[in-house]
Amino acid sequence: MVIDLFADKRALSKEDKLITNETGRVVSELKKVRSLFNEVTDPYEIESLIYRMKELELHYSFLIKEAKLGKIVNLDIYGGEL
């Protein structure tokens, strides 16, 4: 049996990478929706964007919960803070 002593223990698993990528996508989409929300004037469009923002925020919360359960230490998202 060969043990790789130099293996990177911090390497993300496939599932961890999926969560990380999805979190980044959600943050990016939320920024776009918030930006659009600040520009529209139609009440129906505003209501639709509010629901979309809430959906994205809930999905983000779910992903963070999953990351914590999976003990992902370095959740590297490219979108920054919500």
C-alpha atoms as a PDB file:
ATOM      1  CA  MET A   1       0.000   0.000   0.000  1.00  0.00           C
ATOM      2  CA  VAL A   2       1.404   3.358  -1.056  1.00  0.00           C
ATOM      3  CA  ILE A   3       0.573   6.463   0.962  1.00  0.00           C
ATOM      4  CA  ASP A   4       1.076   9.812  -0.699  1.00  0.00           C
ATOM      5  CA  LEU A   5       2.532  11.952   2.076  1.00  0.00           C
ATOM      6  CA  PHE A   6       2.542  15.022  -0.123  1.00  0.00           C
ATOM      7  CA  ALA A   7      -1.095  14.835  -1.212  1.00  0.00           C
ATOM      8  CA  ASP A   8      -2.984  18.083  -0.798  1.00  0.00           C
ATOM      9  CA  LYS A   9      -5.430  17.394   2.024  1.00  0.00           C
ATOM     10  CA  ARG A  10      -7.254  20.618   1.245  1.00  0.00           C
ATOM     11  CA  ALA A  11      -8.164  19.556  -2.270  1.00  0.00           C
ATOM     12  CA  LEU A  12     -11.878  19.848  -2.830  1.00  0.00           C
ATOM     13  CA  SER A  13     -13.911  16.774  -3.676  1.00  0.00           C
ATOM     14  CA  LYS A  14     -16.171  16.725  -6.724  1.00  0.00           C
ATOM     15  CA  GLU A  15     -19.230  17.528  -4.597  1.00  0.00           C
ATOM     16  CA  ASP A  16     -17.368  20.344  -2.837  1.00  0.00           C
ATOM     17  CA  LYS A  17     -16.443  21.842  -6.198  1.00  0.00           C
ATOM     18  CA  LEU A  18     -20.066  21.663  -7.331  1.00  0.00           C
ATOM     19  CA  ILE A  19     -21.228  23.472  -4.196  1.00  0.00           C
ATOM     20  CA  THR A  20     -18.490  26.075  -4.584  1.00  0.00           C
ATOM     21  CA  ASN A  21     -19.296  26.681  -8.245  1.00  0.00           C
ATOM     22  CA  GLU A  22     -23.048  26.844  -7.606  1.00  0.00           C
ATOM     23  CA  THR A  23     -22.533  29.291  -4.743  1.00  0.00           C
ATOM     24  CA  GLY A  24     -20.499  31.560  -6.989  1.00  0.00           C
ATOM     25  CA  ARG A  25     -23.143  31.350  -9.715  1.00  0.00           C
ATOM     26  CA  VAL A  26     -25.925  32.217  -7.271  1.00  0.00           C
ATOM     27  CA  VAL A  27     -24.013  35.212  -5.891  1.00  0.00           C
ATOM     28  CA  SER A  28     -23.320  36.473  -9.408  1.00  0.00           C
ATOM     29  CA  GLU A  29     -26.970  36.045 -10.447  1.00  0.00           C
ATOM     30  CA  LEU A  30     -28.167  37.796  -7.296  1.00  0.00           C
ATOM     31  CA  LYS A  31     -25.948  40.790  -8.048  1.00  0.00           C
ATOM     32  CA  LYS A  32     -27.427  40.992 -11.560  1.00  0.00           C
ATOM     33  CA  VAL A  33     -30.995  40.775 -10.265  1.00  0.00           C
ATOM     34  CA  ARG A  34     -30.350  43.456  -7.631  1.00  0.00           C
ATOM     35  CA  SER A  35     -28.851  45.729 -10.252  1.00  0.00           C
ATOM     36  CA  LEU A  36     -31.858  45.219 -12.527  1.00  0.00           C
ATOM     37  CA  PHE A  37     -34.206  45.799  -9.575  1.00  0.00           C
ATOM     38  CA  ASN A  38     -32.685  49.266  -9.109  1.00  0.00           C
ATOM     39  CA  GLU A  39     -33.421  50.173 -12.725  1.00  0.00           C
ATOM     40  CA  VAL A  40     -36.957  48.950 -13.417  1.00  0.00           C
ATOM     41  CA  THR A  41     -40.125  50.939 -12.804  1.00  0.00           C
ATOM     42  CA  ASP A  42     -42.927  48.552 -13.748  1.00  0.00           C
ATOM     43  CA  PRO A  43     -44.660  47.257 -10.579  1.00  0.00           C
ATOM     44  CA  TYR A  44     -45.040  43.734 -11.998  1.00  0.00           C
ATOM     45  CA  GLU A  45     -41.373  43.614 -12.952  1.00  0.00           C
ATOM     46  CA  ILE A  46     -40.413  44.827  -9.476  1.00  0.00           C
ATOM     47  CA  GLU A  47     -42.548  42.143  -7.841  1.00  0.00           C
ATOM     48  CA  SER A  48     -41.065  39.476 -10.097  1.00  0.00           C
ATOM     49  CA  LEU A  49     -37.517  40.559  -9.216  1.00  0.00           C
ATOM     50  CA  ILE A  50     -38.335  40.543  -5.504  1.00  0.00           C
ATOM     51  CA  TYR A  51     -39.458  36.913  -5.783  1.00  0.00           C
ATOM     52  CA  ARG A  52     -36.335  36.057  -7.806  1.00  0.00           C
ATOM     53  CA  MET A  53     -34.084  37.691  -5.195  1.00  0.00           C
ATOM     54  CA  LYS A  54     -35.805  35.775  -2.407  1.00  0.00           C
ATOM     55  CA  GLU A  55     -35.398  32.524  -4.344  1.00  0.00           C
ATOM     56  CA  LEU A  56     -31.678  33.159  -4.865  1.00  0.00           C
ATOM     57  CA  GLU A  57     -31.151  34.140  -1.226  1.00  0.00           C
ATOM     58  CA  LEU A  58     -32.835  30.937  -0.036  1.00  0.00           C
ATOM     59  CA  HIS A  59     -30.801  28.845  -2.463  1.00  0.00           C
ATOM     60  CA  TYR A  60     -27.626  30.582  -1.233  1.00  0.00           C
ATOM     61  CA  SER A  61     -28.575  29.782   2.389  1.00  0.00           C
ATOM     62  CA  PHE A  62     -29.107  26.151   1.433  1.00  0.00           C
ATOM     63  CA  LEU A  63     -25.695  25.963  -0.251  1.00  0.00           C
ATOM     64  CA  ILE A  64     -23.956  27.520   2.749  1.00  0.00           C
ATOM     65  CA  LYS A  65     -25.689  25.001   5.029  1.00  0.00           C
ATOM     66  CA  GLU A  66     -24.557  22.149   2.778  1.00  0.00           C
ATOM     67  CA  ALA A  67     -21.010  23.528   2.753  1.00  0.00           C
ATOM     68  CA  LYS A  68     -20.969  23.637   6.550  1.00  0.00           C
ATOM     69  CA  LEU A  69     -22.322  20.094   6.815  1.00  0.00           C
ATOM     70  CA  GLY A  70     -19.704  18.924   4.341  1.00  0.00           C
ATOM     71  CA  LYS A  71     -17.066  20.818   6.293  1.00  0.00           C
ATOM     72  CA  ILE A  72     -15.912  22.812   3.289  1.00  0.00           C
ATOM     73  CA  VAL A  73     -13.393  25.114   4.921  1.00  0.00           C
ATOM     74  CA  ASN A  74     -12.400  27.271   1.988  1.00  0.00           C
ATOM     75  CA  LEU A  75     -15.632  28.135   0.200  1.00  0.00           C
ATOM     76  CA  ASP A  76     -14.033  30.196  -2.525  1.00  0.00           C
ATOM     77  CA  ILE A  77     -16.785  32.091  -4.292  1.00  0.00           C
ATOM     78  CA  TYR A  78     -15.898  34.676  -6.860  1.00  0.00           C
ATOM     79  CA  GLY A  79     -18.868  36.928  -6.251  1.00  0.00           C
ATOM     80  CA  GLY A  80     -18.010  38.308  -2.833  1.00  0.00           C
ATOM     81  CA  GLU A  81     -20.606  39.078  -0.210  1.00  0.00           C
ATOM     82  CA  LEU A  82     -24.321  39.126  -0.736  1.00  0.00           C
END
